[in-house]
PDB file of N, CA and C in Angstrom:
ATOM      1  N   MET A   1     -15.705 -69.572 -40.860  1.00  0.00           N
ATOM      2  CA  MET A   1     -15.146 -68.307 -40.646  1.00  0.00           C
ATOM      3  C   MET A   1     -16.108 -67.232 -41.165  1.00  0.00           C
ATOM      4  N   SER A   2     -16.342 -66.257 -40.249  1.00  0.00           N
ATOM      5  CA  SER A   2     -17.283 -65.159 -40.716  1.00  0.00           C
ATOM      6  C   SER A   2     -16.754 -64.335 -41.795  1.00  0.00           C
ATOM      7  N   GLU A   3     -17.815 -63.627 -42.339  1.00  0.00           N
ATOM      8  CA  GLU A   3     -17.461 -62.662 -43.528  1.00  0.00           C
ATOM      9  C   GLU A   3     -16.441 -61.638 -43.004  1.00  0.00           C
ATOM     10  N   GLU A   4     -16.744 -61.143 -41.811  1.00  0.00           N
ATOM     11  CA  GLU A   4     -15.725 -60.139 -41.243  1.00  0.00           C
ATOM     12  C   GLU A   4     -14.409 -60.724 -41.002  1.00  0.00           C
ATOM     13  N   ASN A   5     -14.255 -61.873 -40.593  1.00  0.00           N
ATOM     14  CA  ASN A   5     -12.949 -62.423 -40.408  1.00  0.00           C
ATOM     15  C   ASN A   5     -12.270 -62.658 -41.742  1.00  0.00           C
ATOM     16  N   LYS A   6     -12.990 -63.080 -42.731  1.00  0.00           N
ATOM     17  CA  LYS A   6     -12.529 -63.271 -44.106  1.00  0.00           C
ATOM     18  C   LYS A   6     -11.955 -61.948 -44.665  1.00  0.00           C
ATOM     19  N   GLN A   7     -12.681 -60.803 -44.422  1.00  0.00           N
ATOM     20  CA  GLN A   7     -12.253 -59.493 -44.901  1.00  0.00           C
ATOM     21  C   GLN A   7     -10.983 -59.150 -44.192  1.00  0.00           C
ATOM     22  N   GLY A   8     -10.898 -59.288 -42.936  1.00  0.00           N
ATOM     23  CA  GLY A   8      -9.757 -58.909 -42.093  1.00  0.00           C
ATOM     24  C   GLY A   8      -8.549 -59.607 -42.588  1.00  0.00           C
ATOM     25  N   TYR A   9      -8.717 -60.912 -42.807  1.00  0.00           N
ATOM     26  CA  TYR A   9      -7.596 -61.844 -43.329  1.00  0.00           C
ATOM     27  C   TYR A   9      -7.103 -61.413 -44.589  1.00  0.00           C
ATOM     28  N   LYS A  10      -8.056 -61.060 -45.569  1.00  0.00           N
ATOM     29  CA  LYS A  10      -7.672 -60.604 -47.024  1.00  0.00           C
ATOM     30  C   LYS A  10      -7.039 -59.248 -46.881  1.00  0.00           C
ATOM     31  N   GLN A  11      -7.367 -58.339 -46.003  1.00  0.00           N
ATOM     32  CA  GLN A  11      -6.726 -57.147 -45.905  1.00  0.00           C
ATOM     33  C   GLN A  11      -5.309 -57.237 -45.252  1.00  0.00           C
ATOM     34  N   THR A  12      -5.194 -58.141 -44.425  1.00  0.00           N
ATOM     35  CA  THR A  12      -3.803 -58.464 -43.843  1.00  0.00           C
ATOM     36  C   THR A  12      -2.860 -58.905 -44.823  1.00  0.00           C
ATOM     37  N   ILE A  13      -3.374 -59.931 -45.641  1.00  0.00           N
ATOM     38  CA  ILE A  13      -2.512 -60.515 -46.717  1.00  0.00           C
ATOM     39  C   ILE A  13      -2.107 -59.434 -47.724  1.00  0.00           C
ATOM     40  N   LEU A  14      -3.180 -58.518 -48.122  1.00  0.00           N
ATOM     41  CA  LEU A  14      -2.884 -57.495 -49.054  1.00  0.00           C
ATOM     42  C   LEU A  14      -1.805 -56.434 -48.486  1.00  0.00           C
ATOM     43  N   ARG A  15      -2.016 -56.129 -47.241  1.00  0.00           N
ATOM     44  CA  ARG A  15      -0.947 -55.155 -46.741  1.00  0.00           C
ATOM     45  C   ARG A  15       0.290 -55.695 -46.543  1.00  0.00           C
ATOM     46  N   LYS A  16       0.465 -57.060 -46.362  1.00  0.00           N
ATOM     47  CA  LYS A  16       1.753 -57.643 -46.271  1.00  0.00           C
ATOM     48  C   LYS A  16       2.445 -57.863 -47.583  1.00  0.00           C
ATOM     49  N   ASP A  17       1.672 -58.259 -48.545  1.00  0.00           N
ATOM     50  CA  ASP A  17       2.301 -58.701 -49.889  1.00  0.00           C
ATOM     51  C   ASP A  17       1.584 -57.877 -51.050  1.00  0.00           C
ATOM     52  N   TRP A  18       1.205 -56.680 -50.831  1.00  0.00           N
ATOM     53  CA  TRP A  18       0.526 -56.019 -51.911  1.00  0.00           C
ATOM     54  C   TRP A  18       1.222 -56.056 -53.196  1.00  0.00           C
ATOM     55  N   ASP A  19       2.521 -55.996 -53.250  1.00  0.00           N
ATOM     56  CA  ASP A  19       3.277 -55.909 -54.520  1.00  0.00           C
ATOM     57  C   ASP A  19       3.415 -57.165 -55.248  1.00  0.00           C
ATOM     58  N   SER A  20       2.861 -58.281 -54.764  1.00  0.00           N
ATOM     59  CA  SER A  20       2.812 -59.539 -55.433  1.00  0.00           C
ATOM     60  C   SER A  20       1.528 -59.763 -56.177  1.00  0.00           C
ATOM     61  N   PHE A  21       0.531 -58.882 -55.936  1.00  0.00           N
ATOM     62  CA  PHE A  21      -0.747 -58.896 -56.615  1.00  0.00           C
ATOM     63  C   PHE A  21      -0.787 -57.901 -57.855  1.00  0.00           C
ATOM     64  N   SER A  22      -1.696 -58.257 -58.685  1.00  0.00           N
ATOM     65  CA  SER A  22      -1.947 -57.357 -59.871  1.00  0.00           C
ATOM     66  C   SER A  22      -2.432 -56.028 -59.389  1.00  0.00           C
ATOM     67  N   PRO A  23      -1.957 -54.789 -59.824  1.00  0.00           N
ATOM     68  CA  PRO A  23      -2.450 -53.577 -59.484  1.00  0.00           C
ATOM     69  C   PRO A  23      -3.930 -53.444 -59.780  1.00  0.00           C
ATOM     70  N   TYR A  24      -4.470 -54.050 -60.760  1.00  0.00           N
ATOM     71  CA  TYR A  24      -5.833 -54.020 -61.225  1.00  0.00           C
ATOM     72  C   TYR A  24      -6.701 -54.705 -60.086  1.00  0.00           C
ATOM     73  N   TYR A  25      -6.274 -55.844 -59.597  1.00  0.00           N
ATOM     74  CA  TYR A  25      -6.958 -56.574 -58.517  1.00  0.00           C
ATOM     75  C   TYR A  25      -6.933 -55.660 -57.263  1.00  0.00           C
ATOM     76  N   VAL A  26      -5.771 -55.153 -56.933  1.00  0.00           N
ATOM     77  CA  VAL A  26      -5.534 -54.300 -55.752  1.00  0.00           C
ATOM     78  C   VAL A  26      -6.529 -53.110 -55.813  1.00  0.00           C
ATOM     79  N   TRP A  27      -6.675 -52.503 -56.966  1.00  0.00           N
ATOM     80  CA  TRP A  27      -7.620 -51.410 -57.018  1.00  0.00           C
ATOM     81  C   TRP A  27      -9.068 -51.761 -56.753  1.00  0.00           C
ATOM     82  N   THR A  28      -9.346 -52.952 -56.932  1.00  0.00           N
ATOM     83  CA  THR A  28     -10.911 -53.307 -56.682  1.00  0.00           C
ATOM     84  C   THR A  28     -11.089 -53.546 -55.155  1.00  0.00           C
ATOM     85  N   GLN A  29     -10.064 -53.483 -54.363  1.00  0.00           N
ATOM     86  CA  GLN A  29     -10.188 -53.686 -52.879  1.00  0.00           C
ATOM     87  C   GLN A  29     -10.199 -52.374 -52.354  1.00  0.00           C
ATOM     88  N   THR A  30     -11.378 -51.743 -52.124  1.00  0.00           N
ATOM     89  CA  THR A  30     -11.562 -50.347 -51.642  1.00  0.00           C
ATOM     90  C   THR A  30     -10.782 -50.087 -50.365  1.00  0.00           C
ATOM     91  N   ASP A  31     -10.945 -50.909 -49.323  1.00  0.00           N
ATOM     92  CA  ASP A  31     -10.319 -50.644 -48.073  1.00  0.00           C
ATOM     93  C   ASP A  31      -8.825 -50.630 -48.230  1.00  0.00           C
ATOM     94  N   PHE A  32      -8.275 -51.555 -49.041  1.00  0.00           N
ATOM     95  CA  PHE A  32      -6.829 -51.547 -49.215  1.00  0.00           C
ATOM     96  C   PHE A  32      -6.464 -50.348 -49.991  1.00  0.00           C
ATOM     97  N   ARG A  33      -7.189 -50.022 -51.003  1.00  0.00           N
ATOM     98  CA  ARG A  33      -6.769 -48.725 -51.807  1.00  0.00           C
ATOM     99  C   ARG A  33      -6.669 -47.517 -50.893  1.00  0.00           C
ATOM    100  N   LEU A  34      -7.628 -47.438 -49.949  1.00  0.00           N
ATOM    101  CA  LEU A  34      -7.613 -46.275 -49.187  1.00  0.00           C
ATOM    102  C   LEU A  34      -6.432 -46.281 -48.214  1.00  0.00           C
ATOM    103  N   TRP A  35      -6.118 -47.515 -47.724  1.00  0.00           N
ATOM    104  CA  TRP A  35      -4.868 -47.737 -46.823  1.00  0.00           C
ATOM    105  C   TRP A  35      -3.647 -47.359 -47.572  1.00  0.00           C
ATOM    106  N   PHE A  36      -3.613 -47.844 -48.777  1.00  0.00           N
ATOM    107  CA  PHE A  36      -2.493 -47.646 -49.731  1.00  0.00           C
ATOM    108  C   PHE A  36      -2.212 -46.119 -49.894  1.00  0.00           C
ATOM    109  N   GLU A  37      -3.309 -45.426 -50.232  1.00  0.00           N
ATOM    110  CA  GLU A  37      -3.193 -43.983 -50.514  1.00  0.00           C
ATOM    111  C   GLU A  37      -2.794 -43.218 -49.112  1.00  0.00           C
ATOM    112  N   ALA A  38      -3.245 -43.706 -48.107  1.00  0.00           N
ATOM    113  CA  ALA A  38      -3.008 -43.081 -46.817  1.00  0.00           C
ATOM    114  C   ALA A  38      -1.532 -43.118 -46.344  1.00  0.00           C
ATOM    115  N   ASN A  39      -0.843 -44.180 -46.840  1.00  0.00           N
ATOM    116  CA  ASN A  39       0.452 -44.493 -46.393  1.00  0.00           C
ATOM    117  C   ASN A  39       1.433 -44.148 -47.393  1.00  0.00           C
ATOM    118  N   GLN A  40       1.174 -43.187 -48.327  1.00  0.00           N
ATOM    119  CA  GLN A  40       2.102 -42.975 -49.404  1.00  0.00           C
ATOM    120  C   GLN A  40       3.352 -42.145 -48.910  1.00  0.00           C
ATOM    121  N   ALA A  41       3.434 -41.608 -47.741  1.00  0.00           N
ATOM    122  CA  ALA A  41       4.582 -40.827 -47.238  1.00  0.00           C
ATOM    123  C   ALA A  41       5.605 -41.728 -46.632  1.00  0.00           C
ATOM    124  N   GLN A  42       5.313 -43.104 -46.559  1.00  0.00           N
ATOM    125  CA  GLN A  42       6.279 -43.975 -45.759  1.00  0.00           C
ATOM    126  C   GLN A  42       7.488 -44.128 -46.637  1.00  0.00           C
ATOM    127  N   GLU A  43       8.577 -44.157 -45.999  1.00  0.00           N
ATOM    128  CA  GLU A  43       9.973 -44.273 -46.783  1.00  0.00           C
ATOM    129  C   GLU A  43      10.089 -45.595 -47.471  1.00  0.00           C
ATOM    130  N   LYS A  44       9.298 -46.627 -47.052  1.00  0.00           N
ATOM    131  CA  LYS A  44       9.517 -47.938 -47.688  1.00  0.00           C
ATOM    132  C   LYS A  44       9.011 -47.982 -49.048  1.00  0.00           C
ATOM    133  N   TRP A  45       8.151 -47.005 -49.521  1.00  0.00           N
ATOM    134  CA  TRP A  45       7.659 -47.093 -50.927  1.00  0.00           C
ATOM    135  C   TRP A  45       8.723 -47.017 -51.983  1.00  0.00           C
ATOM    136  N   ASN A  46       8.645 -47.798 -52.988  1.00  0.00           N
ATOM    137  CA  ASN A  46       9.609 -47.926 -53.957  1.00  0.00           C
ATOM    138  C   ASN A  46       8.995 -47.838 -55.404  1.00  0.00           C
ATOM    139  N   ASP A  47       9.794 -48.327 -56.339  1.00  0.00           N
ATOM    140  CA  ASP A  47       9.334 -48.255 -57.683  1.00  0.00           C
ATOM    141  C   ASP A  47       8.101 -48.968 -57.935  1.00  0.00           C
ATOM    142  N   GLU A  48       7.766 -50.116 -57.130  1.00  0.00           N
ATOM    143  CA  GLU A  48       6.512 -50.833 -57.337  1.00  0.00           C
ATOM    144  C   GLU A  48       5.326 -49.938 -56.830  1.00  0.00           C
ATOM    145  N   TYR A  49       5.508 -49.241 -55.811  1.00  0.00           N
ATOM    146  CA  TYR A  49       4.458 -48.290 -55.392  1.00  0.00           C
ATOM    147  C   TYR A  49       4.086 -47.217 -56.476  1.00  0.00           C
ATOM    148  N   VAL A  50       5.149 -46.717 -57.038  1.00  0.00           N
ATOM    149  CA  VAL A  50       5.004 -45.757 -58.061  1.00  0.00           C
ATOM    150  C   VAL A  50       4.226 -46.402 -59.305  1.00  0.00           C
ATOM    151  N   ARG A  51       4.623 -47.647 -59.665  1.00  0.00           N
ATOM    152  CA  ARG A  51       3.893 -48.297 -60.743  1.00  0.00           C
ATOM    153  C   ARG A  51       2.505 -48.525 -60.382  1.00  0.00           C
ATOM    154  N   PHE A  52       2.145 -48.933 -59.180  1.00  0.00           N
ATOM    155  CA  PHE A  52       0.791 -49.184 -58.828  1.00  0.00           C
ATOM    156  C   PHE A  52      -0.083 -47.799 -58.832  1.00  0.00           C
ATOM    157  N   GLN A  53       0.546 -46.725 -58.457  1.00  0.00           N
ATOM    158  CA  GLN A  53      -0.053 -45.424 -58.532  1.00  0.00           C
ATOM    159  C   GLN A  53      -0.405 -45.041 -59.873  1.00  0.00           C
ATOM    160  N   GLU A  54       0.536 -45.314 -60.807  1.00  0.00           N
ATOM    161  CA  GLU A  54       0.326 -45.040 -62.356  1.00  0.00           C
ATOM    162  C   GLU A  54      -0.778 -45.863 -62.868  1.00  0.00           C
ATOM    163  N   VAL A  55      -0.952 -47.127 -62.554  1.00  0.00           N
ATOM    164  CA  VAL A  55      -2.041 -47.937 -62.951  1.00  0.00           C
ATOM    165  C   VAL A  55      -3.335 -47.444 -62.325  1.00  0.00           C
ATOM    166  N   PHE A  56      -3.298 -47.071 -61.014  1.00  0.00           N
ATOM    167  CA  PHE A  56      -4.583 -46.555 -60.362  1.00  0.00           C
ATOM    168  C   PHE A  56      -5.047 -45.317 -61.098  1.00  0.00           C
ATOM    169  N   LYS A  57      -4.115 -44.445 -61.493  1.00  0.00           N
ATOM    170  CA  LYS A  57      -4.541 -43.176 -62.198  1.00  0.00           C
ATOM    171  C   LYS A  57      -5.268 -43.577 -63.588  1.00  0.00           C
ATOM    172  N   LYS A  58      -4.717 -44.536 -64.245  1.00  0.00           N
ATOM    173  CA  LYS A  58      -5.369 -44.953 -65.514  1.00  0.00           C
ATOM    174  C   LYS A  58      -6.759 -45.552 -65.319  1.00  0.00           C
ATOM    175  N   ILE A  59      -6.848 -46.364 -64.209  1.00  0.00           N
ATOM    176  CA  ILE A  59      -8.097 -46.906 -63.816  1.00  0.00           C
ATOM    177  C   ILE A  59      -9.165 -45.807 -63.450  1.00  0.00           C
ATOM    178  N   GLU A  60      -8.690 -44.968 -62.625  1.00  0.00           N
ATOM    179  CA  GLU A  60      -9.624 -43.836 -62.229  1.00  0.00           C
ATOM    180  C   GLU A  60     -10.119 -42.908 -63.349  1.00  0.00           C
ATOM    181  N   ALA A  61      -9.307 -42.872 -64.510  1.00  0.00           N
ATOM    182  CA  ALA A  61      -9.665 -42.058 -65.627  1.00  0.00           C
ATOM    183  C   ALA A  61     -10.618 -42.857 -66.591  1.00  0.00           C
ATOM    184  N   ASP A  62     -10.868 -44.121 -66.331  1.00  0.00           N
ATOM    185  CA  ASP A  62     -11.635 -44.869 -67.209  1.00  0.00           C
ATOM    186  C   ASP A  62     -12.801 -45.621 -66.446  1.00  0.00           C
ATOM    187  N   PRO A  63     -14.020 -45.043 -66.447  1.00  0.00           N
ATOM    188  CA  PRO A  63     -15.200 -45.630 -65.766  1.00  0.00           C
ATOM    189  C   PRO A  63     -15.483 -47.103 -66.323  1.00  0.00           C
ATOM    190  N   LYS A  64     -15.398 -47.299 -67.638  1.00  0.00           N
ATOM    191  CA  LYS A  64     -15.674 -48.499 -68.157  1.00  0.00           C
ATOM    192  C   LYS A  64     -14.720 -49.550 -67.677  1.00  0.00           C
ATOM    193  N   LEU A  65     -13.450 -49.315 -67.521  1.00  0.00           N
ATOM    194  CA  LEU A  65     -12.419 -50.188 -66.928  1.00  0.00           C
ATOM    195  C   LEU A  65     -12.789 -50.513 -65.519  1.00  0.00           C
ATOM    196  N   GLN A  66     -13.127 -49.484 -64.816  1.00  0.00           N
ATOM    197  CA  GLN A  66     -13.525 -49.690 -63.345  1.00  0.00           C
ATOM    198  C   GLN A  66     -14.761 -50.684 -63.280  1.00  0.00           C
ATOM    199  N   ASP A  67     -15.776 -50.457 -64.053  1.00  0.00           N
ATOM    200  CA  ASP A  67     -16.918 -51.459 -64.026  1.00  0.00           C
ATOM    201  C   ASP A  67     -16.516 -52.810 -64.376  1.00  0.00           C
ATOM    202  N   ASP A  68     -15.571 -52.944 -65.427  1.00  0.00           N
ATOM    203  CA  ASP A  68     -15.141 -54.286 -65.874  1.00  0.00           C
ATOM    204  C   ASP A  68     -14.348 -54.854 -64.777  1.00  0.00           C
ATOM    205  N   LEU A  69     -13.492 -54.272 -64.085  1.00  0.00           N
ATOM    206  CA  LEU A  69     -12.666 -54.840 -63.098  1.00  0.00           C
ATOM    207  C   LEU A  69     -13.491 -55.291 -61.936  1.00  0.00           C
ATOM    208  N   MET A  70     -14.483 -54.476 -61.507  1.00  0.00           N
ATOM    209  CA  MET A  70     -15.337 -54.932 -60.401  1.00  0.00           C
ATOM    210  C   MET A  70     -16.243 -56.136 -60.835  1.00  0.00           C
ATOM    211  N   GLU A  71     -16.681 -56.163 -62.025  1.00  0.00           N
ATOM    212  CA  GLU A  71     -17.531 -57.302 -62.530  1.00  0.00           C
ATOM    213  C   GLU A  71     -16.671 -58.542 -62.508  1.00  0.00           C
ATOM    214  N   TRP A  72     -15.312 -58.358 -63.007  1.00  0.00           N
ATOM    215  CA  TRP A  72     -14.384 -59.532 -63.039  1.00  0.00           C
ATOM    216  C   TRP A  72     -14.159 -60.095 -61.736  1.00  0.00           C
ATOM    217  N   THR A  73     -13.893 -59.190 -60.793  1.00  0.00           N
ATOM    218  CA  THR A  73     -13.540 -59.621 -59.374  1.00  0.00           C
ATOM    219  C   THR A  73     -14.783 -60.361 -58.791  1.00  0.00           C
ATOM    220  N   ASP A  74     -15.912 -59.758 -58.925  1.00  0.00           N
ATOM    221  CA  ASP A  74     -17.180 -60.402 -58.480  1.00  0.00           C
ATOM    222  C   ASP A  74     -17.330 -61.864 -59.034  1.00  0.00           C
ATOM    223  N   ALA A  75     -17.143 -61.961 -60.353  1.00  0.00           N
ATOM    224  CA  ALA A  75     -17.270 -63.219 -61.030  1.00  0.00           C
ATOM    225  C   ALA A  75     -16.275 -64.291 -60.428  1.00  0.00           C
ATOM    226  N   LEU A  76     -15.044 -63.856 -60.323  1.00  0.00           N
ATOM    227  CA  LEU A  76     -14.045 -64.742 -59.746  1.00  0.00           C
ATOM    228  C   LEU A  76     -14.352 -65.188 -58.387  1.00  0.00           C
ATOM    229  N   LYS A  77     -14.774 -64.231 -57.529  1.00  0.00           N
ATOM    230  CA  LYS A  77     -15.176 -64.589 -56.142  1.00  0.00           C
ATOM    231  C   LYS A  77     -16.375 -65.625 -56.116  1.00  0.00           C
ATOM    232  N   GLN A  78     -17.339 -65.468 -56.988  1.00  0.00           N
ATOM    233  CA  GLN A  78     -18.427 -66.333 -56.994  1.00  0.00           C
ATOM    234  C   GLN A  78     -17.971 -67.829 -57.554  1.00  0.00           C
ATOM    235  N   PHE A  79     -17.046 -67.766 -58.496  1.00  0.00           N
ATOM    236  CA  PHE A  79     -16.577 -69.001 -59.089  1.00  0.00           C
ATOM    237  C   PHE A  79     -15.878 -69.803 -57.901  1.00  0.00           C
ATOM    238  N   TYR A  80     -14.821 -69.114 -57.190  1.00  0.00           N
ATOM    239  CA  TYR A  80     -14.191 -69.841 -56.188  1.00  0.00           C
ATOM    240  C   TYR A  80     -14.989 -70.192 -55.019  1.00  0.00           C
ATOM    241  N   GLU A  81     -16.083 -69.496 -54.724  1.00  0.00           N
ATOM    242  CA  GLU A  81     -17.028 -69.902 -53.540  1.00  0.00           C
ATOM    243  C   GLU A  81     -17.743 -71.079 -54.086  1.00  0.00           C
ATOM    244  N   PHE A  82     -18.197 -71.076 -55.375  1.00  0.00           N
ATOM    245  CA  PHE A  82     -18.820 -72.285 -55.888  1.00  0.00           C
ATOM    246  C   PHE A  82     -17.995 -73.532 -55.853  1.00  0.00           C
ATOM    247  N   ARG A  83     -16.838 -73.384 -56.302  1.00  0.00           N
ATOM    248  CA  ARG A  83     -15.805 -74.554 -56.314  1.00  0.00           C
ATOM    249  C   ARG A  83     -15.509 -75.096 -54.985  1.00  0.00           C
ATOM    250  N   LEU A  84     -15.485 -74.131 -53.918  1.00  0.00           N
ATOM    251  CA  LEU A  84     -15.218 -74.536 -52.573  1.00  0.00           C
ATOM    252  C   LEU A  84     -16.437 -75.344 -52.013  1.00  0.00           C
ATOM    253  N   THR A  85     -17.617 -74.819 -52.340  1.00  0.00           N
ATOM    254  CA  THR A  85     -18.863 -75.467 -51.861  1.00  0.00           C
ATOM    255  C   THR A  85     -19.001 -76.843 -52.541  1.00  0.00           C
ATOM    256  N   CYS A  86     -18.755 -76.907 -53.712  1.00  0.00           N
ATOM    257  CA  CYS A  86     -18.778 -78.253 -54.465  1.00  0.00           C
ATOM    258  C   CYS A  86     -17.696 -79.243 -53.910  1.00  0.00           C
ATOM    259  N   SER A  87     -16.682 -78.869 -53.535  1.00  0.00           N
ATOM    260  CA  SER A  87     -15.699 -79.768 -53.020  1.00  0.00           C
ATOM    261  C   SER A  87     -15.829 -80.271 -51.609  1.00  0.00           C
ATOM    262  N   LEU A  88     -16.761 -79.622 -50.926  1.00  0.00           N
ATOM    263  CA  LEU A  88     -17.018 -80.098 -49.583  1.00  0.00           C
ATOM    264  C   LEU A  88     -17.880 -81.338 -49.438  1.00  0.00           C
TER     265      LEU A  88
END
């Protein structure tokens, strides 16, 4: 699967089940975060959306937390890619 296909699949899953993920993880997904903000006028948004927005505001106010979240996400991605490669 190409990197572009992986990204498209990940974005599809996030858009479908965004509220089942940690808001901290969701924040690290720039494309999803932009989509999330662009769709805030939709009637389907609920208390979970409000909770995510509150967490996003806290993250945006803390550059150190932003760096830590991006570093954590990159480390997890490398770990899982390594495990997948080793299991083949």
